[in-house]
């Protein structure tokens, strides 16, 4: 069951509490009558009247529906089957009860606990007929109808999703809770619409209505790409014999992260993809490269939109301005022009980078007295929020800056990479990867040669 459908189910399963609370609440007692003044013994009471027979009191009073509902709940105790029988009997006796909607919800919840899904569905649909605006109960019914799987059930499920989608798309900003910002509300509405298009597309796929399925799934994917929508689009394309398109969708389903609570079984996707690749290419050669390329394009964490604008158009290293993770003053490389610049490019997820850092610091301490040698640890993380915490945890002493495009200019393709720039900005040393045995000697020698050549 999807995250959204689970939410609908949880909503439906909270229903007995209100009824039980009402049943356990003590019935208020009428106020006591005011005390009368005492009469002398034997004196006639002028207020006392001879008892009169009320003809109406002889007739039987109709049962009170609220008291009968409370009795039905209390008599059942913790027995769900007994509660189900009692509430059904209550509705037979009080078909127009003002509590009918709550009773239907209780019957849905009790039926689900007893694993009687046909009965739960029946009462869910009665509640929908009573309250056509109840979107959460409609989505709950959709889940039960999809489980049934026959064409009639799937058709009804499509109808309910269409009604819910219509309500979502017509929702106005006035429906936004006061504590939620406009941006948060719009994002949640978009996520909800994306999920419902996905559900309806999946239902249409099961009904073999492939055109409608493709239209809904493409709409869902355009709104917010999810691995579930990609997988179902792959299934539609495969059924239509469009193998290239199916492979493209299956690859996306395999590499896309699950950000919206709509996961897929990646092993199932892997089987679908491997089988179709074999049918198309005769073997699995090249599939790994295709997956890696797609992951870099679709699955990697996106850099902030403003990252691409930093130092845009700068073509000379000493013209770069680099930010610091601690929020301190930016580092202007122009202030280091004419000096030896030693750069260690690293990332928080790179274990060799962690091993290299103490040795990089060791080399830096050797040149502390040299004001014309500058050491910088240049971070290339896509998720910059991780960096400050990492620096504190690892107790890094090097001056850390964000790459902000310098990595691209200098052709950094792997971590760790250490570069030495001479006074003119020319690269005189590059070490990619980490070899601990000769790292200190190699970097120290490169810096000394750069200093000697400039003197």
Protein backbone atom coordinates (compact mmCIF):
# COMPACT_ATOMS: atom_id res chain seq x y z
CA UNK A 1 0.00 0.00 0.00
CA UNK A 2 1.41 3.44 -0.90
CA UNK A 3 2.21 6.05 1.71
CA UNK A 4 -0.85 8.10 0.82
CA UNK A 5 -3.15 5.10 0.96
CA UNK A 6 -1.68 4.11 4.31
CA UNK A 7 -2.51 7.58 5.57
CA UNK A 8 -6.08 7.10 4.41
CA UNK A 9 -6.25 3.77 6.17
CA UNK A 10 -4.90 5.23 9.41
CA UNK A 11 -7.48 8.00 9.17
CA UNK A 12 -10.25 5.43 8.84
CA UNK A 13 -8.91 3.31 11.70
CA UNK A 14 -9.18 6.05 14.34
CA UNK A 15 -12.96 6.05 14.40
CA UNK A 16 -14.04 4.03 17.41
CA UNK A 17 -12.34 6.31 19.88
CA UNK A 18 -14.91 9.07 19.61
CA UNK A 19 -17.76 6.63 20.03
CA UNK A 20 -16.11 4.91 22.97
CA UNK A 21 -15.40 8.19 24.66
CA UNK A 22 -19.04 9.12 24.29
CA UNK A 23 -20.09 5.78 25.73
CA UNK A 24 -17.84 6.08 28.76
CA UNK A 25 -18.82 9.63 29.60
CA UNK A 26 -21.10 9.67 32.66
CA UNK A 27 -24.64 10.78 31.98
CA UNK A 28 -25.26 14.17 33.62
CA UNK A 29 -27.58 14.06 36.60
CA UNK A 30 -30.49 16.54 36.80
CA UNK A 31 -30.12 19.19 39.48
CA UNK A 32 -31.76 18.39 42.80
CA UNK A 33 -35.05 20.21 43.44
CA UNK A 34 -34.90 23.08 45.94
CA UNK A 35 -35.57 22.07 49.55
CA UNK A 36 -39.06 22.82 50.84
CA UNK A 37 -39.78 24.40 54.19
CA UNK A 38 -40.62 21.89 56.88
CA UNK A 39 -44.31 21.56 57.75
CA UNK A 40 -45.55 21.03 61.28
CA UNK A 41 -46.25 17.40 62.09
CA UNK A 42 -49.68 16.45 61.01
CA UNK A 43 -50.29 19.69 59.15
CA UNK A 44 -51.62 19.33 55.63
CA UNK A 45 -49.20 20.19 52.87
CA UNK A 46 -50.87 22.79 50.74
CA UNK A 47 -48.53 22.08 47.83
CA UNK A 48 -49.23 18.35 47.91
CA UNK A 49 -51.64 17.25 45.21
CA UNK A 50 -53.23 13.87 44.87
CA UNK A 51 -51.35 11.75 42.32
CA UNK A 52 -52.68 12.10 38.83
CA UNK A 53 -52.34 9.39 36.21
CA UNK A 54 -50.74 10.56 32.98
CA UNK A 55 -52.27 8.60 30.12
CA UNK A 56 -49.11 9.06 28.02
CA UNK A 57 -46.92 7.49 30.71
CA UNK A 58 -48.71 4.21 30.25
CA UNK A 59 -47.50 4.05 26.66
CA UNK A 60 -44.03 2.57 25.96
CA UNK A 61 -41.36 5.22 25.18
CA UNK A 62 -39.34 4.73 21.95
CA UNK A 63 -35.70 3.75 22.58
CA UNK A 64 -33.13 6.54 22.65
CA UNK A 65 -30.67 6.08 19.74
CA UNK A 66 -27.71 7.60 21.61
CA UNK A 67 -28.19 5.41 24.67
CA UNK A 68 -28.63 2.37 22.48
CA UNK A 69 -25.38 3.16 20.65
CA UNK A 70 -23.52 3.47 23.94
CA UNK A 71 -25.00 0.18 25.10
CA UNK A 72 -23.96 -1.52 21.85
CA UNK A 73 -20.36 -0.41 22.34
CA UNK A 74 -20.15 -1.22 26.04
CA UNK A 75 -21.66 -4.66 25.65
CA UNK A 76 -19.08 -5.55 22.99
CA UNK A 77 -16.14 -4.68 25.25
CA UNK A 78 -12.88 -5.48 23.46
CA UNK A 79 -14.49 -8.10 21.19
CA UNK A 80 -14.30 -6.69 17.65
CA UNK A 81 -16.61 -9.34 16.22
CA UNK A 82 -19.21 -8.52 18.87
CA UNK A 83 -18.81 -4.81 18.16
CA UNK A 84 -19.37 -5.47 14.47
CA UNK A 85 -22.57 -7.44 15.17
CA UNK A 86 -23.85 -4.88 17.68
CA UNK A 87 -23.26 -1.90 15.40
CA UNK A 88 -24.90 -3.63 12.43
CA UNK A 89 -27.90 -4.42 14.62
CA UNK A 90 -27.94 -0.81 15.81
CA UNK A 91 -28.13 0.47 12.22
CA UNK A 92 -31.01 -1.90 11.45
CA UNK A 93 -32.93 -0.42 14.37
CA UNK A 94 -31.83 3.18 13.81
CA UNK A 95 -31.26 3.59 10.06
CA UNK A 96 -31.51 7.40 10.33
CA UNK A 97 -29.22 7.79 13.34
CA UNK A 98 -27.35 11.12 13.44
CA UNK A 99 -24.26 9.03 14.27
CA UNK A 100 -24.49 6.97 11.10
CA UNK A 101 -21.23 8.29 9.61
CA UNK A 102 -19.27 7.50 12.80
CA UNK A 103 -20.83 4.05 12.96
CA UNK A 104 -19.83 3.37 9.35
CA UNK A 105 -16.25 4.36 10.19
CA UNK A 106 -16.27 2.06 13.21
CA UNK A 107 -17.60 -0.75 11.04
CA UNK A 108 -14.83 -0.18 8.47
CA UNK A 109 -12.19 -0.28 11.20
CA UNK A 110 -13.64 -3.40 12.86
CA UNK A 111 -13.99 -5.20 9.52
CA UNK A 112 -10.35 -4.48 8.68
CA UNK A 113 -9.20 -5.77 12.06
CA UNK A 114 -11.17 -8.96 11.38
CA UNK A 115 -9.65 -9.09 7.86
CA UNK A 116 -13.06 -8.95 6.27
CA UNK A 117 -12.13 -6.65 3.40
CA UNK A 118 -15.36 -7.10 1.38
CA UNK A 119 -17.38 -5.92 4.38
CA UNK A 120 -14.93 -3.08 5.04
CA UNK A 121 -15.27 -1.98 1.42
CA UNK A 122 -19.05 -2.12 1.60
CA UNK A 123 -19.18 0.20 4.60
CA UNK A 124 -16.49 2.47 3.14
CA UNK A 125 -18.61 2.95 0.02
CA UNK A 126 -21.73 3.59 2.12
CA UNK A 127 -19.81 6.28 3.97
CA UNK A 128 -18.66 7.80 0.65
CA UNK A 129 -22.30 7.89 -0.51
CA UNK A 130 -23.16 9.68 2.73
CA UNK A 131 -20.19 12.08 2.52
CA UNK A 132 -19.10 12.37 -1.15
CA UNK A 133 -16.37 14.86 -0.17
CA UNK A 134 -14.48 12.36 2.02
CA UNK A 135 -11.30 12.03 -0.05
CA UNK A 136 -9.41 9.94 2.50
CA UNK A 137 -12.15 7.30 2.61
CA UNK A 138 -12.27 7.25 -1.20
CA UNK A 139 -8.55 6.51 -1.34
CA UNK A 140 -9.02 3.81 1.26
CA UNK A 141 -11.75 2.28 -0.92
CA UNK A 142 -9.42 2.52 -3.94
CA UNK A 143 -6.85 0.41 -2.14
CA UNK A 144 -9.43 -2.27 -1.31
CA UNK A 145 -10.86 -2.24 -4.83
CA UNK A 146 -7.38 -2.59 -6.33
CA UNK A 147 -6.82 -5.61 -4.11
CA UNK A 148 -10.01 -7.17 -5.48
CA UNK A 149 -8.56 -6.74 -8.97
CA UNK A 150 -11.60 -7.57 -11.12
CA UNK A 151 -12.54 -5.15 -13.88
CA UNK A 152 -15.65 -3.85 -12.12
CA UNK A 153 -13.64 -3.08 -8.96
CA UNK A 154 -10.85 -1.41 -10.92
CA UNK A 155 -13.38 0.72 -12.82
CA UNK A 156 -14.93 1.91 -9.56
CA UNK A 157 -11.46 2.63 -8.18
CA UNK A 158 -10.65 4.78 -11.23
CA UNK A 159 -13.87 6.69 -10.60
CA UNK A 160 -12.92 7.42 -6.99
CA UNK A 161 -9.39 8.55 -7.90
CA UNK A 162 -10.85 10.88 -10.52
CA UNK A 163 -13.14 12.43 -7.92
CA UNK A 164 -10.28 12.89 -5.46
CA UNK A 165 -8.04 14.35 -8.16
CA UNK A 166 -10.75 16.81 -9.13
CA UNK A 167 -10.98 18.00 -5.52
CA UNK A 168 -7.20 18.35 -5.23
CA UNK A 169 -6.84 20.31 -8.46
CA UNK A 170 -9.73 22.63 -7.57
CA UNK A 171 -8.48 23.29 -4.03
CA UNK A 172 -7.92 26.99 -3.46
CA UNK A 173 -5.46 28.74 -1.18
CA UNK A 174 -8.31 29.40 1.26
CA UNK A 175 -8.13 25.71 2.22
CA UNK A 176 -4.53 26.16 3.44
CA UNK A 177 -4.08 25.75 7.21
CA UNK A 178 -2.93 28.97 8.84
CA UNK A 179 0.22 27.39 10.30
CA UNK A 180 1.42 26.20 6.86
CA UNK A 181 3.22 28.57 4.51
CA UNK A 182 1.98 29.11 0.98
CA UNK A 183 5.06 27.40 -0.46
CA UNK A 184 4.67 24.35 1.79
CA UNK A 185 0.97 24.04 0.96
CA UNK A 186 1.60 24.25 -2.79
CA UNK A 187 4.39 21.65 -2.55
CA UNK A 188 2.11 19.28 -0.62
CA UNK A 189 -0.71 19.74 -3.11
CA UNK A 190 1.67 19.00 -5.98
CA UNK A 191 2.93 15.87 -4.24
CA UNK A 192 -0.65 14.74 -3.58
CA UNK A 193 -1.70 15.28 -7.21
CA UNK A 194 1.40 13.46 -8.43
CA UNK A 195 0.54 10.47 -6.21
CA UNK A 196 -3.07 10.31 -7.38
CA UNK A 197 -2.12 10.48 -11.06
CA UNK A 198 0.26 7.61 -10.33
CA UNK A 199 -2.47 5.57 -8.63
CA UNK A 200 -4.93 6.16 -11.45
CA UNK A 201 -2.28 5.34 -14.05
CA UNK A 202 -1.51 2.08 -12.27
CA UNK A 203 -5.21 1.21 -12.18
CA UNK A 204 -5.59 1.94 -15.89
CA UNK A 205 -2.56 -0.24 -16.58
CA UNK A 206 -4.23 -3.14 -14.76
CA UNK A 207 -7.38 -2.52 -16.82
CA UNK A 208 -5.21 -2.73 -19.98
CA UNK A 209 -6.23 0.80 -20.88
CA UNK A 210 -2.70 1.61 -21.96
CA UNK A 211 -3.27 5.03 -23.51
CA UNK A 212 -4.98 6.36 -20.37
CA UNK A 213 -2.34 4.71 -18.19
CA UNK A 214 0.50 6.32 -20.12
CA UNK A 215 -1.13 9.76 -20.00
CA UNK A 216 -1.58 9.63 -16.21
CA UNK A 217 1.86 8.17 -15.52
CA UNK A 218 3.59 10.75 -17.73
CA UNK A 219 1.71 13.53 -15.94
CA UNK A 220 2.79 12.13 -12.56
CA UNK A 221 6.41 11.83 -13.69
CA UNK A 222 6.48 15.37 -15.10
CA UNK A 223 5.16 16.80 -11.85
CA UNK A 224 7.68 14.98 -9.63
CA UNK A 225 9.81 12.12 -11.01
CA UNK A 226 9.36 8.96 -8.94
CA UNK A 227 10.76 5.45 -9.46
CA UNK A 228 7.21 4.02 -9.29
CA UNK A 229 5.95 6.13 -12.20
CA UNK A 230 9.10 5.32 -14.20
CA UNK A 231 8.65 1.57 -13.64
CA UNK A 232 5.02 1.59 -14.77
CA UNK A 233 5.90 3.69 -17.80
CA UNK A 234 8.49 1.04 -18.63
CA UNK A 235 5.83 -1.66 -18.39
CA UNK A 236 3.52 0.25 -20.75
CA UNK A 237 6.36 0.75 -23.26
CA UNK A 238 7.37 -2.91 -23.05
CA UNK A 239 3.80 -4.07 -23.66
CA UNK A 240 3.74 -1.81 -26.72
CA UNK A 241 7.01 -3.37 -27.96
CA UNK A 242 8.89 -0.08 -27.64
CA UNK A 243 11.95 -1.69 -26.06
CA UNK A 244 14.27 1.32 -26.19
CA UNK A 245 11.74 3.49 -24.37
CA UNK A 246 11.03 0.71 -21.87
CA UNK A 247 14.74 0.36 -21.07
CA UNK A 248 15.00 4.11 -20.58
CA UNK A 249 12.14 4.05 -18.06
CA UNK A 250 13.39 0.95 -16.24
CA UNK A 251 16.85 2.51 -15.90
CA UNK A 252 15.26 5.63 -14.40
CA UNK A 253 13.20 3.49 -12.00
CA UNK A 254 16.36 1.73 -10.86
CA UNK A 255 18.46 4.83 -10.17
CA UNK A 256 15.93 7.45 -9.03
CA UNK A 257 15.85 7.99 -5.25
CA UNK A 258 12.58 7.45 -3.39
CA UNK A 259 11.82 10.96 -2.13
CA UNK A 260 8.02 10.83 -1.95
CA UNK A 261 7.13 7.62 -0.11
CA UNK A 262 6.47 5.76 -3.39
CA UNK A 263 9.17 3.07 -3.42
CA UNK A 264 9.61 0.23 -5.90
CA UNK A 265 11.11 -3.23 -5.53
CA UNK A 266 14.46 -2.51 -7.17
CA UNK A 267 15.24 -6.20 -7.55
CA UNK A 268 12.04 -6.55 -9.55
CA UNK A 269 13.06 -3.57 -11.67
CA UNK A 270 16.51 -5.14 -12.10
CA UNK A 271 14.95 -8.35 -13.40
CA UNK A 272 12.70 -6.47 -15.84
CA UNK A 273 15.62 -4.37 -17.06
CA UNK A 274 18.07 -7.28 -17.35
CA UNK A 275 15.56 -9.42 -19.24
CA UNK A 276 14.69 -6.66 -21.71
CA UNK A 277 18.38 -5.73 -22.20
CA UNK A 278 19.12 -9.40 -23.00
CA UNK A 279 16.28 -9.52 -25.52
CA UNK A 280 17.49 -6.34 -27.19
CA UNK A 281 21.29 -6.78 -27.07
CA UNK A 282 21.80 -10.52 -26.65
CA UNK A 283 23.77 -10.10 -23.40
CA UNK A 284 24.14 -7.63 -20.51
CA UNK A 285 27.29 -5.96 -21.87
CA UNK A 286 26.98 -2.18 -21.53
CA UNK A 287 24.12 -2.25 -18.99
CA UNK A 288 26.37 -1.24 -16.10
CA UNK A 289 27.67 1.80 -17.97
CA UNK A 290 24.12 2.79 -18.87
CA UNK A 291 23.06 2.61 -15.22
CA UNK A 292 26.04 4.68 -14.02
CA UNK A 293 25.40 7.33 -16.66
CA UNK A 294 21.74 7.50 -15.65
CA UNK A 295 22.59 7.68 -11.96
CA UNK A 296 24.91 10.62 -12.54
CA UNK A 297 22.16 12.32 -14.53
CA UNK A 298 19.07 11.41 -12.45
CA UNK A 299 20.00 9.91 -9.12
CA UNK A 300 22.74 12.12 -7.76
CA UNK A 301 21.87 14.84 -5.29
CA UNK A 302 21.32 18.06 -7.24
CA UNK A 303 23.55 21.01 -6.52
CA UNK A 304 21.78 24.20 -5.48
CA UNK A 305 20.65 26.24 -8.48
CA UNK A 306 22.89 29.14 -7.47
CA UNK A 307 26.01 26.91 -7.44
CA UNK A 308 26.28 27.07 -11.22
CA UNK A 309 26.35 30.87 -11.07
CA UNK A 310 29.28 31.19 -8.65
CA UNK A 311 32.47 32.33 -10.40
CA UNK A 312 30.67 31.85 -13.72
CA UNK A 313 32.89 32.82 -16.64
CA UNK A 314 36.08 32.97 -14.53
CA UNK A 315 38.96 31.37 -16.44
CA UNK A 316 41.94 32.08 -14.19
CA UNK A 317 42.44 30.39 -10.76
CA UNK A 318 43.53 33.53 -8.92
CA UNK A 319 40.29 35.29 -9.92
CA UNK A 320 38.14 32.87 -7.90
CA UNK A 321 36.26 33.87 -4.74
CA UNK A 322 35.49 30.83 -2.55
CA UNK A 323 33.03 30.50 0.32
CA UNK A 324 33.83 28.96 3.70
CA UNK A 325 31.57 26.28 5.29
CA UNK A 326 31.65 28.08 8.65
CA UNK A 327 30.10 31.18 7.04
CA UNK A 328 33.27 33.22 7.57
CA UNK A 329 34.71 35.74 5.16
CA UNK A 330 35.15 34.48 1.62
CA UNK A 331 38.62 33.55 0.44
CA UNK A 332 39.76 35.66 -2.51
CA UNK A 333 42.47 33.81 -4.39
CA UNK A 334 43.55 37.11 -5.90
CA UNK A 335 45.12 37.84 -2.49
CA UNK A 336 47.33 34.76 -3.00
CA UNK A 337 48.48 35.73 -6.49
CA UNK A 338 52.24 35.46 -6.79
CA UNK A 339 52.33 32.82 -4.05
CA UNK A 340 52.51 29.01 -4.15
CA UNK A 341 48.99 27.61 -3.87
CA UNK A 342 48.54 24.05 -2.53
CA UNK A 343 45.03 22.68 -3.03
CA UNK A 344 43.60 19.41 -1.69
CA UNK A 345 40.25 18.56 -3.34
CA UNK A 346 38.13 16.29 -1.14
CA UNK A 347 34.57 15.25 -0.18
CA UNK A 348 32.95 14.07 3.07
CA UNK A 349 31.99 10.68 1.59
CA UNK A 350 35.56 9.95 0.39
CA UNK A 351 37.35 7.66 2.87
CA UNK A 352 40.82 8.08 1.28
CA UNK A 353 40.31 11.85 1.67
CA UNK A 354 39.89 11.34 5.40
CA UNK A 355 43.14 9.38 5.54
CA UNK A 356 44.97 11.96 3.46
CA UNK A 357 43.91 15.01 5.49
CA UNK A 358 46.27 14.55 8.51
CA UNK A 359 49.23 14.13 6.14
CA UNK A 360 48.17 17.24 4.19
CA UNK A 361 48.11 19.13 7.50
CA UNK A 362 51.54 17.70 8.36
CA UNK A 363 53.00 19.11 5.15
CA UNK A 364 51.27 22.42 5.85
CA UNK A 365 52.99 22.69 9.25
CA UNK A 366 56.38 22.35 7.55
CA UNK A 367 55.69 25.58 5.63
CA UNK A 368 54.01 27.59 8.40
CA UNK A 369 56.84 30.11 8.39
CA UNK A 370 56.57 30.57 4.62
CA UNK A 371 54.03 33.35 4.03
CA UNK A 372 54.21 32.78 0.30
CA UNK A 373 52.79 29.21 0.52
CA UNK A 374 49.03 28.91 0.97
CA UNK A 375 47.24 25.63 1.79
CA UNK A 376 43.51 25.14 1.14
CA UNK A 377 41.29 22.06 1.53
CA UNK A 378 38.73 22.48 -1.28
CA UNK A 379 35.42 20.66 -0.71
CA UNK A 380 33.37 19.36 -3.63
CA UNK A 381 30.30 17.95 -1.81
CA UNK A 382 27.00 18.36 -3.62
CA UNK A 383 25.16 18.46 -0.27
CA UNK A 384 26.98 21.31 1.42
CA UNK A 385 25.02 20.89 4.65
CA UNK A 386 27.19 17.89 5.57
CA UNK A 387 30.48 19.74 5.47
CA UNK A 388 30.48 21.87 8.63
CA UNK A 389 29.51 18.93 10.83
CA UNK A 390 32.19 16.78 9.20
CA UNK A 391 34.87 19.41 9.82
CA UNK A 392 33.91 19.61 13.49
CA UNK A 393 33.75 15.84 13.93
CA UNK A 394 37.10 15.17 12.21
CA UNK A 395 38.72 18.23 13.85
CA UNK A 396 40.15 19.45 10.54
CA UNK A 397 42.78 22.17 10.96
CA UNK A 398 43.25 23.07 7.31
CA UNK A 399 41.48 26.10 5.90
CA UNK A 400 38.38 24.66 4.20
CA UNK A 401 36.61 26.32 1.27
CA UNK A 402 33.93 25.21 -1.18
CA UNK A 403 35.08 24.49 -4.73
CA UNK A 404 32.55 26.91 -6.29
CA UNK A 405 33.66 25.97 -9.82
CA UNK A 406 37.42 25.79 -9.23
CA UNK A 407 37.28 22.00 -9.46
CA UNK A 408 35.80 22.22 -12.96
CA UNK A 409 38.38 24.74 -14.09
CA UNK A 410 41.26 22.56 -12.89
CA UNK A 411 39.77 19.35 -14.30
CA UNK A 412 39.17 17.52 -11.01
CA UNK A 413 37.50 14.20 -11.88
CA UNK A 414 38.17 12.13 -8.73
CA UNK A 415 38.87 12.54 -5.01
CA UNK A 416 41.30 13.03 -3.44
CA UNK A 417 43.33 15.15 -5.84
CA UNK A 418 46.15 17.43 -4.68
CA UNK A 419 47.43 20.21 -6.92
CA UNK A 420 50.27 22.70 -6.55
CA UNK A 421 50.11 25.98 -8.51
CA UNK A 422 53.28 28.05 -8.93
CA UNK A 423 53.39 31.82 -8.64
CA UNK A 424 52.12 32.24 -12.19
CA UNK A 425 49.14 29.92 -11.63
CA UNK A 426 50.61 27.03 -13.58
CA UNK A 427 50.01 23.48 -12.32
CA UNK A 428 53.40 22.02 -11.35
CA UNK A 429 52.16 19.01 -9.35
CA UNK A 430 49.05 16.83 -9.51
CA UNK A 431 48.43 13.67 -7.44
CA UNK A 432 45.15 11.84 -7.94
CA UNK A 433 44.23 9.21 -5.37
CA UNK A 434 46.08 8.52 -2.14
CA UNK A 435 49.32 6.60 -1.66
CA UNK A 436 50.29 7.06 2.02
CA UNK A 437 53.84 5.71 1.76
CA UNK A 438 55.25 8.57 -0.29
CA UNK A 439 52.56 11.27 -0.07
CA UNK A 440 54.38 13.58 2.37
CA UNK A 441 57.71 13.34 0.56
CA UNK A 442 56.16 13.82 -2.87
CA UNK A 443 54.10 16.90 -1.92
CA UNK A 444 56.93 18.45 0.14
CA UNK A 445 59.35 18.04 -2.74
CA UNK A 446 56.91 19.62 -5.20
CA UNK A 447 56.46 22.70 -3.00
CA UNK A 448 60.18 23.09 -2.46
CA UNK A 449 60.85 22.91 -6.20
CA UNK A 450 58.16 25.56 -6.82
CA UNK A 451 59.78 27.83 -4.26
CA UNK A 452 63.26 27.28 -5.68
CA UNK A 453 62.24 27.98 -9.24
CA UNK A 454 60.69 31.27 -8.23
CA UNK A 455 63.66 32.53 -6.23
